[in-house]
Amino acid sequence: MRKLILSLFLCVASIAATAQTKNLYSFTMNSIDGDPVSLNSFKGKVVMVVNVASKCGFTPQYSALESVYEKYKDRGFVIVGVPANNFAQQEPGTNEEIKTFCSRKYNVKFPMMSKVSVKGDDKTPLYQYLTDPAQDPKFSGDIKWNFTKFLVDRNGKIVARFEPATTPDAPEVTAAIESELAR
């Protein structure tokens, strides 16, 4: 009986420890080409996760995203674009159409994932994590619109959130990126 109780205790402790250590690296998504991408492949990098859309007033931010990516990528920075059609149907295209649009119009080279939902009952697990108050209440809450940006440190912890109107090259964004890269 003691062995059973001890085994149950260890099992519960293991589950609790796993839940507490969940971070960006715990997730796998599909690339824009449909291949699985473990976000663990970004371990040790500063990551910006951005929900994007091709027919939004903020779509020109792709240029700034690519510029910021090019500026910092050699220092351990990566942007992960996550297309979503949750806001006024502003990302209606297929993954192939999104990829073509991004590469032709904005020369996007940063990693792009397959289109997912970032809000609502079908919200993808990554965005459940990013918006969960249990992670950090100051960065939590529903995604309000396209081009919401989450900055994640080299350990996979959310360290900043920037709302859509804040451009990727805004002083507060680049200062946060540079601060994390210096750590």
Protein backbone atom coordinates (compact mmCIF):
# COMPACT_ATOMS: atom_id res chain seq x y z
CA MET A 1 0.00 0.00 0.00
CA ARG A 2 2.84 2.43 0.80
CA LYS A 3 4.45 1.69 -2.56
CA LEU A 4 1.17 2.47 -4.31
CA ILE A 5 0.78 5.75 -2.43
CA LEU A 6 4.40 6.67 -3.11
CA SER A 7 3.98 5.84 -6.80
CA LEU A 8 0.84 7.97 -7.02
CA PHE A 9 2.58 10.84 -5.23
CA LEU A 10 5.57 10.69 -7.61
CA CYS A 11 3.24 10.59 -10.62
CA VAL A 12 1.30 13.65 -9.43
CA ALA A 13 4.54 15.48 -8.59
CA SER A 14 5.91 14.71 -12.05
CA ILE A 15 2.75 16.02 -13.74
CA ALA A 16 2.84 19.19 -11.60
CA ALA A 17 6.51 19.76 -12.41
CA THR A 18 5.85 19.31 -16.12
CA ALA A 19 2.97 21.80 -16.01
CA GLN A 20 5.14 24.36 -14.24
CA THR A 21 7.98 24.04 -16.75
CA LYS A 22 5.79 24.55 -19.81
CA ASN A 23 7.21 27.25 -22.04
CA LEU A 24 7.46 28.17 -25.71
CA TYR A 25 9.65 25.14 -26.37
CA SER A 26 6.85 22.78 -25.30
CA PHE A 27 4.93 23.29 -28.53
CA THR A 28 5.02 21.91 -32.05
CA MET A 29 3.31 23.64 -34.93
CA ASN A 30 3.21 23.03 -38.65
CA SER A 31 5.30 25.22 -40.93
CA ILE A 32 3.61 27.11 -43.75
CA ASP A 33 4.63 24.10 -45.90
CA GLY A 34 2.86 21.67 -43.53
CA ASP A 35 5.97 20.18 -41.91
CA PRO A 36 6.02 19.77 -38.11
CA VAL A 37 8.24 22.34 -36.38
CA SER A 38 9.16 21.78 -32.75
CA LEU A 39 9.51 25.23 -31.21
CA ASN A 40 12.26 23.57 -29.17
CA SER A 41 14.38 24.18 -32.28
CA PHE A 42 14.43 27.87 -31.21
CA LYS A 43 15.78 27.05 -27.75
CA GLY A 44 18.40 29.56 -26.66
CA LYS A 45 17.11 32.25 -29.04
CA VAL A 46 15.06 35.35 -28.37
CA VAL A 47 11.78 34.76 -30.21
CA MET A 48 9.02 37.10 -31.33
CA VAL A 49 5.73 35.34 -32.07
CA VAL A 50 3.33 37.41 -34.21
CA ASN A 51 -0.15 36.58 -35.48
CA VAL A 52 -0.24 37.90 -39.03
CA ALA A 53 -2.75 38.50 -41.81
CA SER A 54 -2.46 39.46 -45.48
CA LYS A 55 -5.45 41.79 -45.82
CA CYS A 56 -5.16 43.90 -42.66
CA GLY A 57 -4.39 47.58 -42.19
CA PHE A 58 -1.32 46.39 -40.25
CA THR A 59 -0.12 44.06 -43.05
CA PRO A 60 2.65 46.53 -44.06
CA GLN A 61 4.28 45.61 -40.73
CA TYR A 62 5.65 42.59 -42.60
CA SER A 63 8.35 44.96 -43.93
CA ALA A 64 9.37 46.03 -40.44
CA LEU A 65 9.20 42.44 -39.18
CA GLU A 66 11.56 41.31 -41.93
CA SER A 67 13.87 44.27 -41.32
CA VAL A 68 14.06 43.58 -37.57
CA TYR A 69 14.59 39.89 -38.25
CA GLU A 70 17.47 40.62 -40.64
CA LYS A 71 19.02 43.10 -38.19
CA TYR A 72 19.10 40.69 -35.23
CA LYS A 73 18.99 37.14 -36.62
CA ASP A 74 22.77 36.67 -36.43
CA ARG A 75 22.65 37.54 -32.72
CA GLY A 76 20.19 34.76 -31.86
CA PHE A 77 16.83 36.36 -32.68
CA VAL A 78 13.98 34.81 -34.64
CA ILE A 79 10.49 35.90 -35.61
CA VAL A 80 7.76 33.28 -35.95
CA GLY A 81 4.84 34.42 -38.10
CA VAL A 82 1.51 32.75 -37.30
CA PRO A 83 -1.22 33.45 -39.88
CA ALA A 84 -4.74 33.60 -38.46
CA ASN A 85 -8.13 34.45 -39.92
CA ASN A 86 -9.81 35.43 -36.65
CA PHE A 87 -10.31 39.12 -37.33
CA ALA A 88 -12.70 40.31 -40.06
CA GLN A 89 -11.62 37.43 -42.33
CA GLN A 90 -8.35 39.26 -43.07
CA GLU A 91 -6.37 36.06 -43.73
CA PRO A 92 -8.62 34.12 -46.12
CA GLY A 93 -5.83 32.50 -48.16
CA THR A 94 -4.46 28.98 -48.10
CA ASN A 95 -1.02 28.35 -46.65
CA GLU A 96 0.40 28.31 -50.17
CA GLU A 97 -1.27 31.64 -51.03
CA ILE A 98 -0.03 33.20 -47.77
CA LYS A 99 3.53 31.98 -48.42
CA THR A 100 3.48 33.35 -51.98
CA PHE A 101 2.07 36.70 -50.82
CA CYS A 102 4.66 37.07 -48.04
CA SER A 103 7.63 36.15 -50.18
CA ARG A 104 6.63 38.18 -53.26
CA LYS A 105 5.28 41.31 -51.59
CA TYR A 106 7.49 41.52 -48.47
CA ASN A 107 10.41 39.13 -49.15
CA VAL A 108 9.69 37.38 -45.82
CA LYS A 109 12.46 35.01 -44.78
CA PHE A 110 11.59 34.48 -41.12
CA PRO A 111 9.79 31.22 -40.26
CA MET A 112 6.09 31.16 -41.05
CA MET A 113 3.70 28.60 -39.59
CA SER A 114 0.49 27.18 -41.04
CA LYS A 115 -2.69 29.17 -40.55
CA VAL A 116 -4.31 28.55 -37.15
CA SER A 117 -6.84 30.14 -34.83
CA VAL A 118 -5.44 32.48 -32.16
CA LYS A 119 -8.77 33.21 -30.47
CA GLY A 120 -11.98 31.41 -29.56
CA ASP A 121 -12.91 27.80 -28.89
CA ASP A 122 -10.51 26.47 -31.51
CA LYS A 123 -7.51 28.53 -30.33
CA THR A 124 -4.26 26.69 -31.04
CA PRO A 125 -2.39 25.42 -27.93
CA LEU A 126 0.49 27.89 -28.43
CA TYR A 127 -1.91 30.81 -28.20
CA GLN A 128 -3.72 29.23 -25.25
CA TYR A 129 -0.33 29.33 -23.53
CA LEU A 130 0.63 32.85 -24.69
CA THR A 131 -2.67 34.37 -23.53
CA ASP A 132 -3.05 32.38 -20.28
CA PRO A 133 -2.94 34.55 -17.12
CA ALA A 134 -1.17 31.69 -15.32
CA GLN A 135 1.94 32.37 -17.45
CA ASP A 136 2.19 36.06 -16.60
CA PRO A 137 -0.94 38.16 -16.02
CA LYS A 138 0.62 41.34 -17.46
CA PHE A 139 1.02 39.68 -20.89
CA SER A 140 -2.19 37.62 -20.88
CA GLY A 141 -5.62 38.18 -22.31
CA ASP A 142 -7.32 37.58 -25.62
CA ILE A 143 -5.65 38.61 -28.84
CA LYS A 144 -7.44 41.79 -29.90
CA TRP A 145 -6.33 41.95 -33.53
CA ASN A 146 -3.75 40.90 -36.10
CA PHE A 147 -0.06 41.65 -35.49
CA THR A 148 -0.02 41.20 -31.72
CA LYS A 149 3.60 40.49 -30.79
CA PHE A 150 4.94 38.35 -27.95
CA LEU A 151 8.64 38.53 -27.07
CA VAL A 152 10.05 35.38 -25.49
CA ASP A 153 13.45 35.16 -23.80
CA ARG A 154 16.17 32.57 -24.42
CA ASN A 155 14.58 30.31 -21.78
CA GLY A 156 11.18 30.26 -23.49
CA LYS A 157 9.50 32.67 -21.03
CA ILE A 158 7.23 35.49 -22.21
CA VAL A 159 8.89 38.82 -21.36
CA ALA A 160 6.83 41.36 -23.33
CA ARG A 161 3.66 41.80 -25.34
CA PHE A 162 3.13 44.52 -27.91
CA GLU A 163 -0.30 45.30 -29.29
CA PRO A 164 -0.96 45.58 -33.05
CA ALA A 165 -0.47 49.35 -33.44
CA THR A 166 3.05 49.09 -32.00
CA THR A 167 5.30 48.45 -34.97
CA PRO A 168 8.07 45.83 -34.83
CA ASP A 169 10.70 48.56 -35.24
CA ALA A 170 9.26 50.89 -32.57
CA PRO A 171 11.89 52.01 -30.05
CA GLU A 172 10.24 50.11 -27.18
CA VAL A 173 10.22 46.89 -29.22
CA THR A 174 13.83 47.11 -30.40
CA ALA A 175 14.94 48.10 -26.88
CA ALA A 176 13.23 44.98 -25.48
CA ILE A 177 14.83 42.79 -28.16
CA GLU A 178 18.27 44.26 -27.56
CA SER A 179 17.90 43.87 -23.80
CA GLU A 180 17.05 40.19 -24.17
CA LEU A 181 19.82 39.58 -26.68
CA ALA A 182 22.33 41.10 -24.24
CA ARG A 183 21.45 38.56 -21.52
